[in-house]
Amino acid sequence: MGDSGKVTEALNRCEVTIHLLQKGYMVFRPEADVDGVDFVVRTPAGEYLPCQQKSRCIVQSEKYGGKGIWMIFPGKGKPLHRDWYLIEHDRLFTIQKRKHGSAPDWKNKTKGEFWSEPVGKSLAEELKGYRVYSADSEKHVSGTSR
């Protein structure tokens, strides 16, 4: 079926779009992924957030830092039965740098300050205020007023 990474990305985009629409968000897709923006979300409060969708928690200062980009990614679990997180890249970067900044792999030779990991229990607990969809409660949970 072609590039499995592209297929996974498309399936994830459909999944998160379903959850966002059910929670009162609107999703707008630009014609091209420019400057790291996969889509734009209008929150129920009317704010517009440029989003970069990932299949796991990723921060990369050189690529997304200082641009006002919001990262949206799933927690662990099967599609349609997992949490989804929406958090500004720079806020997520601060969290990840505090946790992993002294790790040898933090400074990547080609990507600069970079970290990638699935959302485990510890990170899920730290990000619970940034869930836009909770598989457990099936309700909107957000500490970001988004």
Foldseek 3Di string as FASTA:
>chain_A
DPDVVVVVVVLVVVLVCVLQVVQPKHWAADPDCPLQFRIWIQHNVGDIAREHEDQADKAFCVRQNPPRYWYKYWADDDGPQTWIFIGGRVVSLVVVCVVPVVPPPQQPPPRGRMDTDHCDPVNCVVRVQGTCAHNVPRHGHHPPSD
